[in-house]
Amino acid sequence: MNIQMYIYKRNFDVQKAERYFKERRISYQAVDLKKHKLGRRELELFARGRGVRALINVGDEAVKSHPIAYTTDQGRMLDYLADMPQFLISPIIRDGQRVMVGFDQAEMDRWLSPPAST
């Protein structure tokens, strides 16, 4: 596994994910979005399957007062997110092509379980 955890600000989900990985001795790379600028391809990968809107922290007051909350143009939303990573839900966890927005322990357990033999 090559787990990357994209973080903008520390919150309860980030702490749960870090504790989960440490308790299981799973190595991961923390990517601080304040220092690392996301590219368009990374954002598109994160949005695949769920859509761009699923990446946006719609409960944040700054998001509610920004045009990103009101546009339906996926390309424009990706541009806003590239410029303003603080609008992203934190953490976003990636293992290759698999992406988890927020932290879901049950889903992470499925990622880590060996494939069922047939």
PDB file of N, CA and C in Angstrom:
ATOM      1  N   MET A   1       0.841  -1.187   0.000  1.00  0.00           N
ATOM      2  CA  MET A   1       0.000   0.000   0.000  1.00  0.00           C
ATOM      3  C   MET A   1       0.876   1.237   0.000  1.00  0.00           C
ATOM      4  N   ASN A   2       0.409   2.233  -0.695  1.00  0.00           N
ATOM      5  CA  ASN A   2       1.092   3.511  -0.755  1.00  0.00           C
ATOM      6  C   ASN A   2       0.066   4.587  -0.408  1.00  0.00           C
ATOM      7  N   ILE A   3      -0.203   4.754   0.867  1.00  0.00           N
ATOM      8  CA  ILE A   3      -1.273   5.639   1.315  1.00  0.00           C
ATOM      9  C   ILE A   3      -0.763   7.065   1.448  1.00  0.00           C
ATOM     10  N   GLN A   4      -1.531   7.967   0.871  1.00  0.00           N
ATOM     11  CA  GLN A   4      -1.275   9.393   1.013  1.00  0.00           C
ATOM     12  C   GLN A   4      -2.508  10.007   1.661  1.00  0.00           C
ATOM     13  N   MET A   5      -2.279  10.872   2.639  1.00  0.00           N
ATOM     14  CA  MET A   5      -3.382  11.546   3.320  1.00  0.00           C
ATOM     15  C   MET A   5      -3.207  13.045   3.119  1.00  0.00           C
ATOM     16  N   TYR A   6      -4.144  13.639   2.378  1.00  0.00           N
ATOM     17  CA  TYR A   6      -4.106  15.062   2.070  1.00  0.00           C
ATOM     18  C   TYR A   6      -4.870  15.808   3.157  1.00  0.00           C
ATOM     19  N   ILE A   7      -4.179  16.753   3.802  1.00  0.00           N
ATOM     20  CA  ILE A   7      -4.725  17.457   4.958  1.00  0.00           C
ATOM     21  C   ILE A   7      -4.581  18.957   4.747  1.00  0.00           C
ATOM     22  N   TYR A   8      -5.652  19.704   5.013  1.00  0.00           N
ATOM     23  CA  TYR A   8      -5.509  21.154   5.036  1.00  0.00           C
ATOM     24  C   TYR A   8      -5.465  21.649   6.471  1.00  0.00           C
ATOM     25  N   LYS A   9      -6.396  21.179   7.289  1.00  0.00           N
ATOM     26  CA  LYS A   9      -6.381  21.554   8.692  1.00  0.00           C
ATOM     27  C   LYS A   9      -6.725  20.337   9.544  1.00  0.00           C
ATOM     28  N   ARG A  10      -6.188  20.321  10.722  1.00  0.00           N
ATOM     29  CA  ARG A  10      -6.416  19.198  11.617  1.00  0.00           C
ATOM     30  C   ARG A  10      -7.840  19.268  12.154  1.00  0.00           C
ATOM     31  N   ASN A  11      -8.506  18.139  12.082  1.00  0.00           N
ATOM     32  CA  ASN A  11      -9.842  18.029  12.641  1.00  0.00           C
ATOM     33  C   ASN A  11     -10.008  16.616  13.193  1.00  0.00           C
ATOM     34  N   PHE A  12     -11.188  16.303  13.666  1.00  0.00           N
ATOM     35  CA  PHE A  12     -11.424  15.010  14.294  1.00  0.00           C
ATOM     36  C   PHE A  12     -11.173  13.848  13.335  1.00  0.00           C
ATOM     37  N   ASP A  13     -11.601  13.973  12.078  1.00  0.00           N
ATOM     38  CA  ASP A  13     -11.384  12.894  11.106  1.00  0.00           C
ATOM     39  C   ASP A  13      -9.906  12.674  10.805  1.00  0.00           C
ATOM     40  N   VAL A  14      -9.135  13.750  10.744  1.00  0.00           N
ATOM     41  CA  VAL A  14      -7.687  13.631  10.530  1.00  0.00           C
ATOM     42  C   VAL A  14      -7.064  12.889  11.715  1.00  0.00           C
ATOM     43  N   GLN A  15      -7.458  13.259  12.918  1.00  0.00           N
ATOM     44  CA  GLN A  15      -6.925  12.595  14.116  1.00  0.00           C
ATOM     45  C   GLN A  15      -7.307  11.117  14.151  1.00  0.00           C
ATOM     46  N   LYS A  16      -8.554  10.783  13.772  1.00  0.00           N
ATOM     47  CA  LYS A  16      -8.976   9.379  13.735  1.00  0.00           C
ATOM     48  C   LYS A  16      -8.148   8.591  12.732  1.00  0.00           C
ATOM     49  N   ALA A  17      -7.924   9.163  11.559  1.00  0.00           N
ATOM     50  CA  ALA A  17      -7.145   8.480  10.524  1.00  0.00           C
ATOM     51  C   ALA A  17      -5.714   8.256  10.987  1.00  0.00           C
ATOM     52  N   GLU A  18      -5.095   9.271  11.561  1.00  0.00           N
ATOM     53  CA  GLU A  18      -3.715   9.132  12.044  1.00  0.00           C
ATOM     54  C   GLU A  18      -3.619   8.065  13.121  1.00  0.00           C
ATOM     55  N   ARG A  19      -4.562   8.072  14.043  1.00  0.00           N
ATOM     56  CA  ARG A  19      -4.568   7.060  15.109  1.00  0.00           C
ATOM     57  C   ARG A  19      -4.763   5.662  14.519  1.00  0.00           C
ATOM     58  N   TYR A  20      -5.669   5.523  13.558  1.00  0.00           N
ATOM     59  CA  TYR A  20      -5.934   4.247  12.901  1.00  0.00           C
ATOM     60  C   TYR A  20      -4.646   3.699  12.280  1.00  0.00           C
ATOM     61  N   PHE A  21      -3.945   4.533  11.520  1.00  0.00           N
ATOM     62  CA  PHE A  21      -2.716   4.086  10.855  1.00  0.00           C
ATOM     63  C   PHE A  21      -1.619   3.758  11.865  1.00  0.00           C
ATOM     64  N   LYS A  22      -1.464   4.570  12.884  1.00  0.00           N
ATOM     65  CA  LYS A  22      -0.413   4.335  13.876  1.00  0.00           C
ATOM     66  C   LYS A  22      -0.676   3.055  14.664  1.00  0.00           C
ATOM     67  N   GLU A  23      -1.927   2.815  15.073  1.00  0.00           N
ATOM     68  CA  GLU A  23      -2.267   1.613  15.838  1.00  0.00           C
ATOM     69  C   GLU A  23      -1.998   0.340  15.040  1.00  0.00           C
ATOM     70  N   ARG A  24      -2.119   0.408  13.727  1.00  0.00           N
ATOM     71  CA  ARG A  24      -1.920  -0.761  12.867  1.00  0.00           C
ATOM     72  C   ARG A  24      -0.546  -0.771  12.200  1.00  0.00           C
ATOM     73  N   ARG A  25       0.283   0.178  12.590  1.00  0.00           N
ATOM     74  CA  ARG A  25       1.642   0.318  12.038  1.00  0.00           C
ATOM     75  C   ARG A  25       1.631   0.365  10.509  1.00  0.00           C
ATOM     76  N   ILE A  26       0.731   1.170   9.990  1.00  0.00           N
ATOM     77  CA  ILE A  26       0.607   1.363   8.544  1.00  0.00           C
ATOM     78  C   ILE A  26       1.289   2.684   8.211  1.00  0.00           C
ATOM     79  N   SER A  27       2.250   2.615   7.326  1.00  0.00           N
ATOM     80  CA  SER A  27       2.935   3.852   6.952  1.00  0.00           C
ATOM     81  C   SER A  27       2.072   4.628   5.952  1.00  0.00           C
ATOM     82  N   TYR A  28       2.142   5.925   6.063  1.00  0.00           N
ATOM     83  CA  TYR A  28       1.396   6.795   5.161  1.00  0.00           C
ATOM     84  C   TYR A  28       2.188   8.083   4.985  1.00  0.00           C
ATOM     85  N   GLN A  29       1.879   8.771   3.924  1.00  0.00           N
ATOM     86  CA  GLN A  29       2.518  10.050   3.660  1.00  0.00           C
ATOM     87  C   GLN A  29       1.463  11.131   3.880  1.00  0.00           C
ATOM     88  N   ALA A  30       1.748  12.058   4.786  1.00  0.00           N
ATOM     89  CA  ALA A  30       0.847  13.187   5.017  1.00  0.00           C
ATOM     90  C   ALA A  30       1.239  14.316   4.069  1.00  0.00           C
ATOM     91  N   VAL A  31       0.275  14.795   3.308  1.00  0.00           N
ATOM     92  CA  VAL A  31       0.511  15.881   2.364  1.00  0.00           C
ATOM     93  C   VAL A  31      -0.217  17.116   2.888  1.00  0.00           C
ATOM     94  N   ASP A  32       0.558  18.114   3.301  1.00  0.00           N
ATOM     95  CA  ASP A  32      -0.001  19.353   3.835  1.00  0.00           C
ATOM     96  C   ASP A  32      -0.405  20.250   2.665  1.00  0.00           C
ATOM     97  N   LEU A  33      -1.694  20.483   2.516  1.00  0.00           N
ATOM     98  CA  LEU A  33      -2.187  21.263   1.385  1.00  0.00           C
ATOM     99  C   LEU A  33      -1.883  22.753   1.518  1.00  0.00           C
ATOM    100  N   LYS A  34      -1.384  23.162   2.670  1.00  0.00           N
ATOM    101  CA  LYS A  34      -0.939  24.549   2.805  1.00  0.00           C
ATOM    102  C   LYS A  34       0.406  24.737   2.105  1.00  0.00           C
ATOM    103  N   LYS A  35       1.144  23.632   1.943  1.00  0.00           N
ATOM    104  CA  LYS A  35       2.470  23.689   1.318  1.00  0.00           C
ATOM    105  C   LYS A  35       2.482  23.078  -0.083  1.00  0.00           C
ATOM    106  N   HIS A  36       1.647  22.088  -0.311  1.00  0.00           N
ATOM    107  CA  HIS A  36       1.610  21.357  -1.579  1.00  0.00           C
ATOM    108  C   HIS A  36       0.383  21.771  -2.379  1.00  0.00           C
ATOM    109  N   LYS A  37       0.582  22.311  -3.547  1.00  0.00           N
ATOM    110  CA  LYS A  37      -0.539  22.724  -4.404  1.00  0.00           C
ATOM    111  C   LYS A  37      -1.025  21.513  -5.195  1.00  0.00           C
ATOM    112  N   LEU A  38      -2.322  21.264  -5.131  1.00  0.00           N
ATOM    113  CA  LEU A  38      -2.906  20.156  -5.880  1.00  0.00           C
ATOM    114  C   LEU A  38      -3.027  20.525  -7.349  1.00  0.00           C
ATOM    115  N   GLY A  39      -2.752  19.553  -8.188  1.00  0.00           N
ATOM    116  CA  GLY A  39      -2.917  19.738  -9.624  1.00  0.00           C
ATOM    117  C   GLY A  39      -4.319  19.348 -10.061  1.00  0.00           C
ATOM    118  N   ARG A  40      -4.654  19.723 -11.254  1.00  0.00           N
ATOM    119  CA  ARG A  40      -5.979  19.441 -11.803  1.00  0.00           C
ATOM    120  C   ARG A  40      -6.234  17.933 -11.868  1.00  0.00           C
ATOM    121  N   ARG A  41      -5.214  17.152 -12.273  1.00  0.00           N
ATOM    122  CA  ARG A  41      -5.390  15.690 -12.380  1.00  0.00           C
ATOM    123  C   ARG A  41      -5.667  15.052 -11.022  1.00  0.00           C
ATOM    124  N   GLU A  42      -4.971  15.516  -9.985  1.00  0.00           N
ATOM    125  CA  GLU A  42      -5.225  14.979  -8.641  1.00  0.00           C
ATOM    126  C   GLU A  42      -6.667  15.268  -8.222  1.00  0.00           C
ATOM    127  N   LEU A  43      -7.108  16.498  -8.428  1.00  0.00           N
ATOM    128  CA  LEU A  43      -8.483  16.851  -8.068  1.00  0.00           C
ATOM    129  C   LEU A  43      -9.492  16.040  -8.860  1.00  0.00           C
ATOM    130  N   GLU A  44      -9.230  15.825 -10.142  1.00  0.00           N
ATOM    131  CA  GLU A  44     -10.134  15.007 -10.960  1.00  0.00           C
ATOM    132  C   GLU A  44     -10.183  13.574 -10.450  1.00  0.00           C
ATOM    133  N   LEU A  45      -9.031  13.037 -10.029  1.00  0.00           N
ATOM    134  CA  LEU A  45      -9.003  11.691  -9.458  1.00  0.00           C
ATOM    135  C   LEU A  45      -9.839  11.641  -8.174  1.00  0.00           C
ATOM    136  N   PHE A  46      -9.685  12.650  -7.322  1.00  0.00           N
ATOM    137  CA  PHE A  46     -10.461  12.691  -6.079  1.00  0.00           C
ATOM    138  C   PHE A  46     -11.963  12.745  -6.371  1.00  0.00           C
ATOM    139  N   ALA A  47     -12.332  13.475  -7.410  1.00  0.00           N
ATOM    140  CA  ALA A  47     -13.747  13.680  -7.724  1.00  0.00           C
ATOM    141  C   ALA A  47     -14.372  12.505  -8.466  1.00  0.00           C
ATOM    142  N   ARG A  48     -13.542  11.656  -9.062  1.00  0.00           N
ATOM    143  CA  ARG A  48     -14.065  10.531  -9.850  1.00  0.00           C
ATOM    144  C   ARG A  48     -14.982   9.664  -8.979  1.00  0.00           C
ATOM    145  N   GLY A  49     -16.119   9.348  -9.512  1.00  0.00           N
ATOM    146  CA  GLY A  49     -17.049   8.477  -8.797  1.00  0.00           C
ATOM    147  C   GLY A  49     -18.080   9.234  -7.980  1.00  0.00           C
ATOM    148  N   ARG A  50     -17.656  10.204  -7.215  1.00  0.00           N
ATOM    149  CA  ARG A  50     -18.581  10.926  -6.344  1.00  0.00           C
ATOM    150  C   ARG A  50     -18.950  12.311  -6.864  1.00  0.00           C
ATOM    151  N   GLY A  51     -18.122  12.859  -7.736  1.00  0.00           N
ATOM    152  CA  GLY A  51     -18.356  14.210  -8.237  1.00  0.00           C
ATOM    153  C   GLY A  51     -17.588  15.238  -7.422  1.00  0.00           C
ATOM    154  N   VAL A  52     -17.412  16.394  -8.005  1.00  0.00           N
ATOM    155  CA  VAL A  52     -16.625  17.451  -7.367  1.00  0.00           C
ATOM    156  C   VAL A  52     -17.300  17.956  -6.104  1.00  0.00           C
ATOM    157  N   ARG A  53     -18.605  18.069  -6.117  1.00  0.00           N
ATOM    158  CA  ARG A  53     -19.334  18.613  -4.959  1.00  0.00           C
ATOM    159  C   ARG A  53     -19.030  17.819  -3.688  1.00  0.00           C
ATOM    160  N   ALA A  54     -18.771  16.514  -3.795  1.00  0.00           N
ATOM    161  CA  ALA A  54     -18.483  15.679  -2.628  1.00  0.00           C
ATOM    162  C   ALA A  54     -17.159  16.053  -1.958  1.00  0.00           C
ATOM    163  N   LEU A  55     -16.301  16.766  -2.654  1.00  0.00           N
ATOM    164  CA  LEU A  55     -15.014  17.172  -2.094  1.00  0.00           C
ATOM    165  C   LEU A  55     -15.095  18.448  -1.271  1.00  0.00           C
ATOM    166  N   ILE A  56     -16.177  19.198  -1.459  1.00  0.00           N
ATOM    167  CA  ILE A  56     -16.289  20.537  -0.880  1.00  0.00           C
ATOM    168  C   ILE A  56     -16.887  20.481   0.521  1.00  0.00           C
ATOM    169  N   ASN A  57     -16.260  21.183   1.442  1.00  0.00           N
ATOM    170  CA  ASN A  57     -16.736  21.258   2.815  1.00  0.00           C
ATOM    171  C   ASN A  57     -17.864  22.297   2.877  1.00  0.00           C
ATOM    172  N   VAL A  58     -19.075  21.879   2.508  1.00  0.00           N
ATOM    173  CA  VAL A  58     -20.195  22.804   2.383  1.00  0.00           C
ATOM    174  C   VAL A  58     -20.654  23.384   3.727  1.00  0.00           C
ATOM    175  N   GLY A  59     -20.216  22.807   4.827  1.00  0.00           N
ATOM    176  CA  GLY A  59     -20.577  23.341   6.139  1.00  0.00           C
ATOM    177  C   GLY A  59     -19.725  24.518   6.573  1.00  0.00           C
ATOM    178  N   ASP A  60     -18.642  24.767   5.876  1.00  0.00           N
ATOM    179  CA  ASP A  60     -17.730  25.859   6.214  1.00  0.00           C
ATOM    180  C   ASP A  60     -18.343  27.196   5.812  1.00  0.00           C
ATOM    181  N   GLU A  61     -18.292  28.180   6.702  1.00  0.00           N
ATOM    182  CA  GLU A  61     -18.870  29.499   6.433  1.00  0.00           C
ATOM    183  C   GLU A  61     -18.213  30.181   5.235  1.00  0.00           C
ATOM    184  N   ALA A  62     -16.888  30.018   5.083  1.00  0.00           N
ATOM    185  CA  ALA A  62     -16.184  30.635   3.954  1.00  0.00           C
ATOM    186  C   ALA A  62     -16.678  30.060   2.627  1.00  0.00           C
ATOM    187  N   VAL A  63     -17.002  28.778   2.625  1.00  0.00           N
ATOM    188  CA  VAL A  63     -17.518  28.137   1.409  1.00  0.00           C
ATOM    189  C   VAL A  63     -18.904  28.687   1.083  1.00  0.00           C
ATOM    190  N   LYS A  64     -19.734  28.846   2.110  1.00  0.00           N
ATOM    191  CA  LYS A  64     -21.102  29.328   1.895  1.00  0.00           C
ATOM    192  C   LYS A  64     -21.133  30.724   1.285  1.00  0.00           C
ATOM    193  N   SER A  65     -20.105  31.519   1.551  1.00  0.00           N
ATOM    194  CA  SER A  65     -20.098  32.894   1.031  1.00  0.00           C
ATOM    195  C   SER A  65     -19.279  33.026  -0.253  1.00  0.00           C
ATOM    196  N   HIS A  66     -18.852  31.898  -0.824  1.00  0.00           N
ATOM    197  CA  HIS A  66     -18.034  31.907  -2.035  1.00  0.00           C
ATOM    198  C   HIS A  66     -18.855  31.373  -3.213  1.00  0.00           C
ATOM    199  N   PRO A  67     -18.558  31.822  -4.428  1.00  0.00           N
ATOM    200  CA  PRO A  67     -19.297  31.323  -5.607  1.00  0.00           C
ATOM    201  C   PRO A  67     -19.245  29.811  -5.794  1.00  0.00           C
ATOM    202  N   ILE A  68     -18.258  29.127  -5.210  1.00  0.00           N
ATOM    203  CA  ILE A  68     -18.166  27.670  -5.366  1.00  0.00           C
ATOM    204  C   ILE A  68     -19.422  26.971  -4.831  1.00  0.00           C
ATOM    205  N   ALA A  69     -20.072  27.591  -3.849  1.00  0.00           N
ATOM    206  CA  ALA A  69     -21.260  26.985  -3.253  1.00  0.00           C
ATOM    207  C   ALA A  69     -22.474  27.057  -4.180  1.00  0.00           C
ATOM    208  N   TYR A  70     -22.395  27.903  -5.191  1.00  0.00           N
ATOM    209  CA  TYR A  70     -23.567  28.151  -6.022  1.00  0.00           C
ATOM    210  C   TYR A  70     -23.400  27.743  -7.483  1.00  0.00           C
ATOM    211  N   THR A  71     -22.210  27.372  -7.890  1.00  0.00           N
ATOM    212  CA  THR A  71     -21.997  26.989  -9.279  1.00  0.00           C
ATOM    213  C   THR A  71     -22.248  25.498  -9.475  1.00  0.00           C
ATOM    214  N   THR A  72     -22.651  25.146 -10.672  1.00  0.00           N
ATOM    215  CA  THR A  72     -22.815  23.733 -11.019  1.00  0.00           C
ATOM    216  C   THR A  72     -21.777  23.313 -12.054  1.00  0.00           C
ATOM    217  N   ASP A  73     -20.925  24.237 -12.455  1.00  0.00           N
ATOM    218  CA  ASP A  73     -19.885  23.977 -13.444  1.00  0.00           C
ATOM    219  C   ASP A  73     -18.725  23.231 -12.769  1.00  0.00           C
ATOM    220  N   GLN A  74     -18.588  21.944 -13.100  1.00  0.00           N
ATOM    221  CA  GLN A  74     -17.561  21.100 -12.471  1.00  0.00           C
ATOM    222  C   GLN A  74     -16.147  21.650 -12.699  1.00  0.00           C
ATOM    223  N   GLY A  75     -15.868  22.144 -13.905  1.00  0.00           N
ATOM    224  CA  GLY A  75     -14.547  22.693 -14.204  1.00  0.00           C
ATOM    225  C   GLY A  75     -14.230  23.906 -13.362  1.00  0.00           C
ATOM    226  N   ARG A  76     -15.210  24.771 -13.205  1.00  0.00           N
ATOM    227  CA  ARG A  76     -15.005  25.966 -12.376  1.00  0.00           C
ATOM    228  C   ARG A  76     -14.781  25.570 -10.912  1.00  0.00           C
ATOM    229  N   MET A  77     -15.540  24.567 -10.430  1.00  0.00           N
ATOM    230  CA  MET A  77     -15.351  24.109  -9.049  1.00  0.00           C
ATOM    231  C   MET A  77     -13.938  23.566  -8.858  1.00  0.00           C
ATOM    232  N   LEU A  78     -13.431  22.800  -9.830  1.00  0.00           N
ATOM    233  CA  LEU A  78     -12.065  22.280  -9.738  1.00  0.00           C
ATOM    234  C   LEU A  78     -11.044  23.420  -9.708  1.00  0.00           C
ATOM    235  N   ASP A  79     -11.279  24.452 -10.511  1.00  0.00           N
ATOM    236  CA  ASP A  79     -10.383  25.607 -10.501  1.00  0.00           C
ATOM    237  C   ASP A  79     -10.383  26.289  -9.132  1.00  0.00           C
ATOM    238  N   TYR A  80     -11.572  26.479  -8.567  1.00  0.00           N
ATOM    239  CA  TYR A  80     -11.658  27.088  -7.234  1.00  0.00           C
ATOM    240  C   TYR A  80     -10.919  26.240  -6.195  1.00  0.00           C
ATOM    241  N   LEU A  81     -11.111  24.913  -6.255  1.00  0.00           N
ATOM    242  CA  LEU A  81     -10.462  24.033  -5.283  1.00  0.00           C
ATOM    243  C   LEU A  81      -8.944  24.030  -5.441  1.00  0.00           C
ATOM    244  N   ALA A  82      -8.459  24.141  -6.665  1.00  0.00           N
ATOM    245  CA  ALA A  82      -7.013  24.200  -6.893  1.00  0.00           C
ATOM    246  C   ALA A  82      -6.433  25.460  -6.263  1.00  0.00           C
ATOM    247  N   ASP A  83      -7.185  26.556  -6.343  1.00  0.00           N
ATOM    248  CA  ASP A  83      -6.719  27.823  -5.775  1.00  0.00           C
ATOM    249  C   ASP A  83      -6.979  27.930  -4.280  1.00  0.00           C
ATOM    250  N   MET A  84      -7.996  27.251  -3.788  1.00  0.00           N
ATOM    251  CA  MET A  84      -8.404  27.373  -2.389  1.00  0.00           C
ATOM    252  C   MET A  84      -8.601  25.995  -1.757  1.00  0.00           C
ATOM    253  N   PRO A  85      -7.511  25.290  -1.452  1.00  0.00           N
ATOM    254  CA  PRO A  85      -7.638  23.943  -0.893  1.00  0.00           C
ATOM    255  C   PRO A  85      -8.312  23.912   0.479  1.00  0.00           C
ATOM    256  N   GLN A  86      -8.441  25.062   1.120  1.00  0.00           N
ATOM    257  CA  GLN A  86      -9.124  25.097   2.415  1.00  0.00           C
ATOM    258  C   GLN A  86     -10.609  24.770   2.275  1.00  0.00           C
ATOM    259  N   PHE A  87     -11.137  24.773   1.042  1.00  0.00           N
ATOM    260  CA  PHE A  87     -12.531  24.419   0.808  1.00  0.00           C
ATOM    261  C   PHE A  87     -12.739  22.907   0.746  1.00  0.00           C
ATOM    262  N   LEU A  88     -11.662  22.133   0.695  1.00  0.00           N
ATOM    263  CA  LEU A  88     -11.766  20.677   0.613  1.00  0.00           C
ATOM    264  C   LEU A  88     -12.117  20.070   1.966  1.00  0.00           C
ATOM    265  N   ILE A  89     -12.831  18.960   1.923  1.00  0.00           N
ATOM    266  CA  ILE A  89     -13.033  18.159   3.123  1.00  0.00           C
ATOM    267  C   ILE A  89     -11.682  17.568   3.489  1.00  0.00           C
ATOM    268  N   SER A  90     -11.380  17.526   4.770  1.00  0.00           N
ATOM    269  CA  SER A  90     -10.087  17.011   5.224  1.00  0.00           C
ATOM    270  C   SER A  90     -10.332  15.869   6.198  1.00  0.00           C
ATOM    271  N   PRO A  91      -9.655  14.741   6.054  1.00  0.00           N
ATOM    272  CA  PRO A  91      -8.627  14.407   5.083  1.00  0.00           C
ATOM    273  C   PRO A  91      -9.223  13.793   3.813  1.00  0.00           C
ATOM    274  N   ILE A  92      -8.406  13.770   2.784  1.00  0.00           N
ATOM    275  CA  ILE A  92      -8.677  12.973   1.593  1.00  0.00           C
ATOM    276  C   ILE A  92      -7.571  11.929   1.561  1.00  0.00           C
ATOM    277  N   ILE A  93      -7.956  10.668   1.563  1.00  0.00           N
ATOM    278  CA  ILE A  93      -6.991   9.570   1.652  1.00  0.00           C
ATOM    279  C   ILE A  93      -6.966   8.858   0.302  1.00  0.00           C
ATOM    280  N   ARG A  94      -5.756   8.594  -0.155  1.00  0.00           N
ATOM    281  CA  ARG A  94      -5.590   7.978  -1.480  1.00  0.00           C
ATOM    282  C   ARG A  94      -4.641   6.794  -1.387  1.00  0.00           C
ATOM    283  N   ASP A  95      -5.017   5.722  -2.064  1.00  0.00           N
ATOM    284  CA  ASP A  95      -4.152   4.565  -2.246  1.00  0.00           C
ATOM    285  C   ASP A  95      -4.266   4.184  -3.719  1.00  0.00           C
ATOM    286  N   GLY A  96      -3.327   4.660  -4.504  1.00  0.00           N
ATOM    287  CA  GLY A  96      -3.394   4.426  -5.947  1.00  0.00           C
ATOM    288  C   GLY A  96      -4.588   5.140  -6.538  1.00  0.00           C
ATOM    289  N   GLN A  97      -5.493   4.380  -7.154  1.00  0.00           N
ATOM    290  CA  GLN A  97      -6.689   4.961  -7.764  1.00  0.00           C
ATOM    291  C   GLN A  97      -7.864   5.042  -6.792  1.00  0.00           C
ATOM    292  N   ARG A  98      -7.732   4.423  -5.613  1.00  0.00           N
ATOM    293  CA  ARG A  98      -8.811   4.477  -4.620  1.00  0.00           C
ATOM    294  C   ARG A  98      -8.710   5.769  -3.823  1.00  0.00           C
ATOM    295  N   VAL A  99      -9.856   6.380  -3.586  1.00  0.00           N
ATOM    296  CA  VAL A  99      -9.898   7.653  -2.878  1.00  0.00           C
ATOM    297  C   VAL A  99     -11.009   7.613  -1.835  1.00  0.00           C
ATOM    298  N   MET A 100     -10.695   8.122  -0.657  1.00  0.00           N
ATOM    299  CA  MET A 100     -11.673   8.241   0.417  1.00  0.00           C
ATOM    300  C   MET A 100     -11.720   9.707   0.831  1.00  0.00           C
ATOM    301  N   VAL A 101     -12.916  10.283   0.827  1.00  0.00           N
ATOM    302  CA  VAL A 101     -13.095  11.670   1.240  1.00  0.00           C
ATOM    303  C   VAL A 101     -13.605  11.643   2.672  1.00  0.00           C
ATOM    304  N   GLY A 102     -12.833  12.240   3.594  1.00  0.00           N
ATOM    305  CA  GLY A 102     -13.110  12.076   5.009  1.00  0.00           C
ATOM    306  C   GLY A 102     -12.488  10.763   5.457  1.00  0.00           C
ATOM    307  N   PHE A 103     -12.799  10.317   6.662  1.00  0.00           N
ATOM    308  CA  PHE A 103     -12.268   9.033   7.121  1.00  0.00           C
ATOM    309  C   PHE A 103     -13.421   8.119   7.483  1.00  0.00           C
ATOM    310  N   ASP A 104     -13.433   6.932   6.894  1.00  0.00           N
ATOM    311  CA  ASP A 104     -14.444   5.915   7.154  1.00  0.00           C
ATOM    312  C   ASP A 104     -13.697   4.637   7.523  1.00  0.00           C
ATOM    313  N   GLN A 105     -13.738   4.275   8.821  1.00  0.00           N
ATOM    314  CA  GLN A 105     -12.971   3.126   9.292  1.00  0.00           C
ATOM    315  C   GLN A 105     -13.413   1.828   8.623  1.00  0.00           C
ATOM    316  N   ALA A 106     -14.698   1.633   8.421  1.00  0.00           N
ATOM    317  CA  ALA A 106     -15.179   0.401   7.786  1.00  0.00           C
ATOM    318  C   ALA A 106     -14.643   0.284   6.357  1.00  0.00           C
ATOM    319  N   GLU A 107     -14.644   1.387   5.626  1.00  0.00           N
ATOM    320  CA  GLU A 107     -14.117   1.358   4.268  1.00  0.00           C
ATOM    321  C   GLU A 107     -12.607   1.105   4.283  1.00  0.00           C
ATOM    322  N   MET A 108     -11.895   1.714   5.221  1.00  0.00           N
ATOM    323  CA  MET A 108     -10.449   1.503   5.316  1.00  0.00           C
ATOM    324  C   MET A 108     -10.153   0.047   5.660  1.00  0.00           C
ATOM    325  N   ASP A 109     -10.957  -0.555   6.520  1.00  0.00           N
ATOM    326  CA  ASP A 109     -10.794  -1.981   6.828  1.00  0.00           C
ATOM    327  C   ASP A 109     -10.937  -2.820   5.560  1.00  0.00           C
ATOM    328  N   ARG A 110     -11.899  -2.471   4.695  1.00  0.00           N
ATOM    329  CA  ARG A 110     -12.069  -3.206   3.434  1.00  0.00           C
ATOM    330  C   ARG A 110     -10.850  -3.014   2.524  1.00  0.00           C
ATOM    331  N   TRP A 111     -10.294  -1.813   2.509  1.00  0.00           N
ATOM    332  CA  TRP A 111      -9.099  -1.567   1.704  1.00  0.00           C
ATOM    333  C   TRP A 111      -7.952  -2.463   2.147  1.00  0.00           C
ATOM    334  N   LEU A 112      -7.848  -2.668   3.464  1.00  0.00           N
ATOM    335  CA  LEU A 112      -6.711  -3.397   4.018  1.00  0.00           C
ATOM    336  C   LEU A 112      -6.898  -4.904   4.060  1.00  0.00           C
ATOM    337  N   SER A 113      -8.148  -5.362   3.952  1.00  0.00           N
ATOM    338  CA  SER A 113      -8.380  -6.808   4.025  1.00  0.00           C
ATOM    339  C   SER A 113      -7.930  -7.472   2.738  1.00  0.00           C
ATOM    340  N   PRO A 114      -7.374  -8.685   2.863  1.00  0.00           N
ATOM    341  CA  PRO A 114      -6.919  -9.376   1.649  1.00  0.00           C
ATOM    342  C   PRO A 114      -8.125  -9.731   0.784  1.00  0.00           C
ATOM    343  N   PRO A 115      -7.925  -9.771  -0.535  1.00  0.00           N
ATOM    344  CA  PRO A 115      -9.037 -10.133  -1.419  1.00  0.00           C
ATOM    345  C   PRO A 115      -9.519 -11.550  -1.145  1.00  0.00           C
ATOM    346  N   ALA A 116     -10.822 -11.737  -1.231  1.00  0.00           N
ATOM    347  CA  ALA A 116     -11.399 -13.058  -1.005  1.00  0.00           C
ATOM    348  C   ALA A 116     -10.989 -14.004  -2.141  1.00  0.00           C
ATOM    349  N   SER A 117     -10.602 -15.205  -1.762  1.00  0.00           N
ATOM    350  CA  SER A 117     -10.215 -16.182  -2.790  1.00  0.00           C
ATOM    351  C   SER A 117     -11.480 -16.855  -3.312  1.00  0.00           C
ATOM    352  N   THR A 118     -11.431 -17.225  -4.576  1.00  0.00           N
ATOM    353  CA  THR A 118     -12.609 -17.845  -5.193  1.00  0.00           C
ATOM    354  C   THR A 118     -12.409 -19.310  -5.421  1.00  0.00           C
TER     355      THR A 118
END
